């Protein structure tokens, strides 16, 4: 199932990010894709957070899997903000995503970098202390982006 999900996400991201067919994608479909992508990120982050907070036992394999999925979603995130996808369906994306493209790119770049670092750190983690600081760095990038580019 994970391989199918990953293939679907990567295929959609490729379509949205660089294909001439992007003009044929409806804005509401891009918004649905974006919302789905971030639901996956939220789910995986919650899984990792329960371990970091001590609410669930640390499972190194499960943590690493969740971190890898978040890194994959981060890599596909730019395609979820295609031009014109600021309208067409209910969205909490702020107009600043498109009006401050450089600032938004910096936020996405940070999300991608911190999630990739977490996936790398998680691969060799023996205990929760090995991932705690990098998970905190990832969560900080999420919060910064939400503060500046997402309505409450």
Protein backbone atom coordinates (compact mmCIF):
# COMPACT_ATOMS: atom_id res chain seq x y z
CA UNK A 1 0.00 0.00 0.00
CA UNK A 2 2.80 2.46 0.84
CA UNK A 3 4.40 1.93 -2.56
CA UNK A 4 1.09 2.70 -4.28
CA UNK A 5 0.62 5.86 -2.21
CA UNK A 6 4.15 7.00 -2.91
CA UNK A 7 3.80 6.35 -6.65
CA UNK A 8 0.51 8.25 -6.74
CA UNK A 9 1.90 11.22 -4.84
CA UNK A 10 5.04 11.38 -6.95
CA UNK A 11 3.07 11.09 -10.17
CA UNK A 12 0.67 13.84 -9.16
CA UNK A 13 3.50 16.06 -7.94
CA UNK A 14 5.32 15.64 -11.22
CA UNK A 15 2.19 16.58 -13.11
CA UNK A 16 1.55 19.63 -10.97
CA UNK A 17 5.13 20.83 -10.79
CA UNK A 18 6.40 20.80 -14.32
CA UNK A 19 4.12 19.41 -16.94
CA UNK A 20 2.47 21.47 -19.66
CA UNK A 21 -0.69 19.63 -18.61
CA UNK A 22 -0.74 21.67 -15.41
CA UNK A 23 -2.88 24.23 -17.22
CA UNK A 24 -5.54 21.53 -17.54
CA UNK A 25 -5.58 20.71 -13.82
CA UNK A 26 -8.48 22.37 -12.06
CA UNK A 27 -7.55 24.64 -9.14
CA UNK A 28 -9.92 22.73 -6.87
CA UNK A 29 -8.05 19.50 -7.68
CA UNK A 30 -4.73 21.12 -6.77
CA UNK A 31 -6.28 22.30 -3.49
CA UNK A 32 -7.57 18.79 -2.72
CA UNK A 33 -4.13 17.37 -3.51
CA UNK A 34 -2.46 19.96 -1.26
CA UNK A 35 -4.84 19.26 1.59
CA UNK A 36 -4.32 15.51 1.25
CA UNK A 37 -0.55 15.93 1.21
CA UNK A 38 -0.62 17.91 4.45
CA UNK A 39 -3.06 15.48 6.06
CA UNK A 40 -0.44 12.79 5.47
CA UNK A 41 2.26 15.04 6.95
CA UNK A 42 0.09 15.80 9.98
CA UNK A 43 -0.69 12.14 10.56
CA UNK A 44 2.97 11.13 10.41
CA UNK A 45 4.03 14.06 12.59
CA UNK A 46 1.45 13.07 15.21
CA UNK A 47 2.79 9.50 15.14
CA UNK A 48 6.32 10.76 15.77
CA UNK A 49 5.19 13.32 18.35
CA UNK A 50 3.56 10.68 20.53
CA UNK A 51 6.91 8.88 20.70
CA UNK A 52 8.92 12.05 21.34
CA UNK A 53 6.50 13.11 24.10
CA UNK A 54 6.61 9.67 25.72
CA UNK A 55 2.91 9.01 25.03
CA UNK A 56 3.83 5.91 23.04
CA UNK A 57 6.86 3.63 23.22
CA UNK A 58 9.65 4.54 20.83
CA UNK A 59 9.57 2.24 17.82
CA UNK A 60 12.66 3.01 15.74
CA UNK A 61 11.31 1.38 12.57
CA UNK A 62 7.94 3.14 12.81
CA UNK A 63 9.57 6.49 13.54
CA UNK A 64 11.95 6.11 10.60
CA UNK A 65 9.07 5.15 8.30
CA UNK A 66 7.04 8.19 9.39
CA UNK A 67 10.06 10.49 8.96
CA UNK A 68 10.68 9.11 5.47
CA UNK A 69 7.06 9.73 4.46
CA UNK A 70 7.21 13.32 5.72
CA UNK A 71 10.42 13.88 3.75
CA UNK A 72 8.74 12.50 0.63
CA UNK A 73 5.72 14.75 1.12
CA UNK A 74 8.02 17.74 1.65
CA UNK A 75 9.77 16.96 -1.62
CA UNK A 76 6.44 17.03 -3.45
CA UNK A 77 5.07 20.11 -1.65
CA UNK A 78 6.00 22.75 -4.26
CA UNK A 79 3.66 21.15 -6.82
CA UNK A 80 0.79 21.48 -4.37
CA UNK A 81 0.89 25.26 -4.73
CA UNK A 82 0.47 25.61 -8.47
CA UNK A 83 -0.39 29.08 -9.77
CA UNK A 84 -4.14 29.64 -9.64
CA UNK A 85 -4.69 27.24 -6.76
CA UNK A 86 -5.37 30.07 -4.35
CA UNK A 87 -9.06 29.90 -5.28
CA UNK A 88 -11.49 27.25 -6.46
CA UNK A 89 -12.27 25.43 -3.21
CA UNK A 90 -12.09 26.23 0.48
CA UNK A 91 -8.45 26.64 1.48
CA UNK A 92 -6.49 28.05 4.39
CA UNK A 93 -3.59 28.99 2.13
CA UNK A 94 -2.87 32.71 2.48
CA UNK A 95 -2.40 34.91 -0.59
CA UNK A 96 1.16 35.56 0.63
CA UNK A 97 2.12 32.14 -0.73
CA UNK A 98 1.88 33.64 -4.20
CA UNK A 99 2.54 37.32 -3.46
CA UNK A 100 5.69 36.54 -1.42
CA UNK A 101 6.95 33.67 -3.54
CA UNK A 102 10.54 34.10 -2.34
CA UNK A 103 9.52 33.96 1.32
CA UNK A 104 7.31 30.94 0.72
CA UNK A 105 10.08 29.18 -1.20
CA UNK A 106 12.41 29.75 1.74
CA UNK A 107 9.83 28.21 4.09
CA UNK A 108 9.33 25.18 1.81
CA UNK A 109 13.09 24.78 1.37
CA UNK A 110 13.46 24.73 5.15
CA UNK A 111 10.66 22.16 5.48
CA UNK A 112 12.35 19.99 2.87
CA UNK A 113 15.80 20.29 4.47
CA UNK A 114 14.66 19.61 8.03
CA UNK A 115 12.45 16.69 7.03
CA UNK A 116 15.29 15.14 5.00
CA UNK A 117 17.63 15.54 7.99
CA UNK A 118 15.06 13.89 10.26
CA UNK A 119 14.66 10.95 7.88
CA UNK A 120 18.44 10.53 7.87
CA UNK A 121 18.79 10.79 11.65
CA UNK A 122 15.89 8.40 12.19
CA UNK A 123 17.51 5.66 10.08
CA UNK A 124 20.16 5.00 12.71
CA UNK A 125 18.24 6.00 15.82
CA UNK A 126 18.40 3.59 18.73
CA UNK A 127 16.27 5.67 21.10
CA UNK A 128 14.03 8.71 21.17
CA UNK A 129 16.82 10.98 22.37
CA UNK A 130 18.58 10.46 19.02
CA UNK A 131 15.66 12.02 17.10
CA UNK A 132 14.22 14.52 19.59
CA UNK A 133 16.21 17.61 18.55
CA UNK A 134 15.76 17.08 14.81
CA UNK A 135 12.04 16.39 15.24
CA UNK A 136 11.84 19.69 17.12
CA UNK A 137 13.61 21.44 14.23
CA UNK A 138 11.08 19.99 11.78
CA UNK A 139 8.11 21.03 13.90
CA UNK A 140 9.56 24.54 14.16
CA UNK A 141 9.62 24.85 10.34
CA UNK A 142 5.99 23.69 10.18
CA UNK A 143 4.94 26.29 12.73
CA UNK A 144 6.82 29.10 11.00
CA UNK A 145 5.14 28.30 7.70
CA UNK A 146 1.71 28.09 9.32
CA UNK A 147 2.26 31.43 11.04
CA UNK A 148 3.11 33.22 7.80
CA UNK A 149 1.31 31.34 5.05
CA UNK A 150 -1.79 29.66 6.50
CA UNK A 151 -4.91 31.16 8.04
CA UNK A 152 -5.88 29.89 11.43
